[in-house]
């Protein structure tokens, strides 16, 4: 059967919205409440992804990050989020579109 409505695209858009809203609602100036955390996997070479070159070399296809206790400057926008995480003790700024 042909998918004239585009259920797959609708599902993907809905899931991106869930991630965005969970980040918005779960975050406050003190971080995430309690033991809440997020595991987010994204394609490192997707359009709009901005991460250090050495991270792309280390993770050429996709990367999973954990947002729980040690993160800084989380900014949640309509199309992407930005965050600083440490990799081998070195802070790195990540710019990740939800579509990634």
Protein backbone atom coordinates (compact mmCIF):
# COMPACT_ATOMS: atom_id res chain seq x y z
CA UNK A 1 0.00 0.00 0.00
CA UNK A 2 1.28 3.47 -0.86
CA UNK A 3 1.80 5.85 2.04
CA UNK A 4 0.13 9.00 0.69
CA UNK A 5 -0.05 10.58 4.12
CA UNK A 6 3.65 10.13 4.89
CA UNK A 7 3.39 8.38 8.23
CA UNK A 8 7.15 7.76 8.43
CA UNK A 9 7.92 11.47 8.02
CA UNK A 10 5.20 12.38 10.52
CA UNK A 11 6.62 9.92 13.04
CA UNK A 12 10.15 11.28 12.63
CA UNK A 13 8.94 14.87 13.06
CA UNK A 14 6.98 13.89 16.16
CA UNK A 15 10.01 12.18 17.70
CA UNK A 16 12.17 15.26 17.08
CA UNK A 17 9.48 17.29 18.84
CA UNK A 18 9.57 14.92 21.81
CA UNK A 19 13.34 15.38 22.14
CA UNK A 20 13.05 19.17 21.91
CA UNK A 21 10.24 19.42 24.46
CA UNK A 22 11.87 16.95 26.85
CA UNK A 23 15.04 19.04 26.81
CA UNK A 24 13.04 22.23 27.34
CA UNK A 25 10.86 20.89 30.15
CA UNK A 26 13.53 18.82 31.85
CA UNK A 27 16.17 21.52 32.07
CA UNK A 28 16.38 24.34 34.57
CA UNK A 29 19.24 26.44 35.91
CA UNK A 30 20.17 23.63 38.31
CA UNK A 31 20.36 21.01 35.56
CA UNK A 32 18.06 18.04 35.11
CA UNK A 33 15.89 17.07 38.07
CA UNK A 34 16.79 14.01 40.14
CA UNK A 35 18.34 11.15 38.20
CA UNK A 36 16.87 12.17 34.86
CA UNK A 37 19.18 11.87 31.88
CA UNK A 38 19.06 11.78 28.11
CA UNK A 39 20.88 9.49 25.70
CA UNK A 40 20.85 11.15 22.29
CA UNK A 41 22.24 9.61 19.13
CA UNK A 42 22.85 11.75 16.05
CA UNK A 43 24.57 11.50 12.67
CA UNK A 44 27.87 13.35 12.92
CA UNK A 45 27.90 14.39 9.25
CA UNK A 46 24.25 15.46 9.06
CA UNK A 47 23.59 18.97 7.72
CA UNK A 48 23.99 21.60 10.41
CA UNK A 49 25.92 19.46 12.91
CA UNK A 50 28.85 21.42 14.30
CA UNK A 51 31.30 19.41 16.37
CA UNK A 52 35.09 19.28 16.57
CA UNK A 53 36.79 17.63 13.60
CA UNK A 54 38.49 15.05 15.81
CA UNK A 55 35.07 13.92 17.08
CA UNK A 56 33.87 13.41 13.50
CA UNK A 57 37.03 11.38 12.82
CA UNK A 58 36.44 9.32 15.95
CA UNK A 59 32.72 8.89 15.23
CA UNK A 60 32.41 9.04 11.43
CA UNK A 61 28.78 7.87 11.22
CA UNK A 62 26.97 8.55 14.47
CA UNK A 63 27.61 9.50 18.05
CA UNK A 64 25.68 9.02 21.28
CA UNK A 65 25.94 11.62 24.02
CA UNK A 66 24.64 11.48 27.57
CA UNK A 67 23.15 14.58 29.12
CA UNK A 68 22.94 14.13 32.87
CA UNK A 69 25.29 15.80 35.35
CA UNK A 70 28.33 17.20 33.59
CA UNK A 71 27.23 19.56 30.85
CA UNK A 72 27.22 23.32 30.43
CA UNK A 73 25.42 26.04 28.51
CA UNK A 74 22.51 23.97 27.22
CA UNK A 75 20.49 26.05 24.77
CA UNK A 76 17.31 24.54 23.35
CA UNK A 77 16.08 26.17 20.14
CA UNK A 78 13.26 25.25 17.74
CA UNK A 79 15.54 23.58 15.18
CA UNK A 80 18.57 22.50 17.24
CA UNK A 81 20.20 22.42 20.63
CA UNK A 82 23.66 23.48 21.72
CA UNK A 83 25.62 22.16 24.65
CA UNK A 84 29.13 21.95 26.05
CA UNK A 85 30.34 18.49 27.04
CA UNK A 86 33.79 17.28 28.02
CA UNK A 87 35.62 14.70 25.92
CA UNK A 88 38.80 13.36 27.55
CA UNK A 89 38.59 16.31 29.94
CA UNK A 90 38.42 18.93 27.17
CA UNK A 91 35.22 21.02 26.87
CA UNK A 92 33.66 20.92 23.40
CA UNK A 93 30.77 22.96 22.04
CA UNK A 94 28.20 20.86 20.13
CA UNK A 95 25.52 22.26 17.81
CA UNK A 96 23.05 19.51 16.94
CA UNK A 97 19.94 19.91 14.77
CA UNK A 98 17.08 17.64 15.85
CA UNK A 99 16.95 16.28 12.30
CA UNK A 100 20.45 14.83 12.76
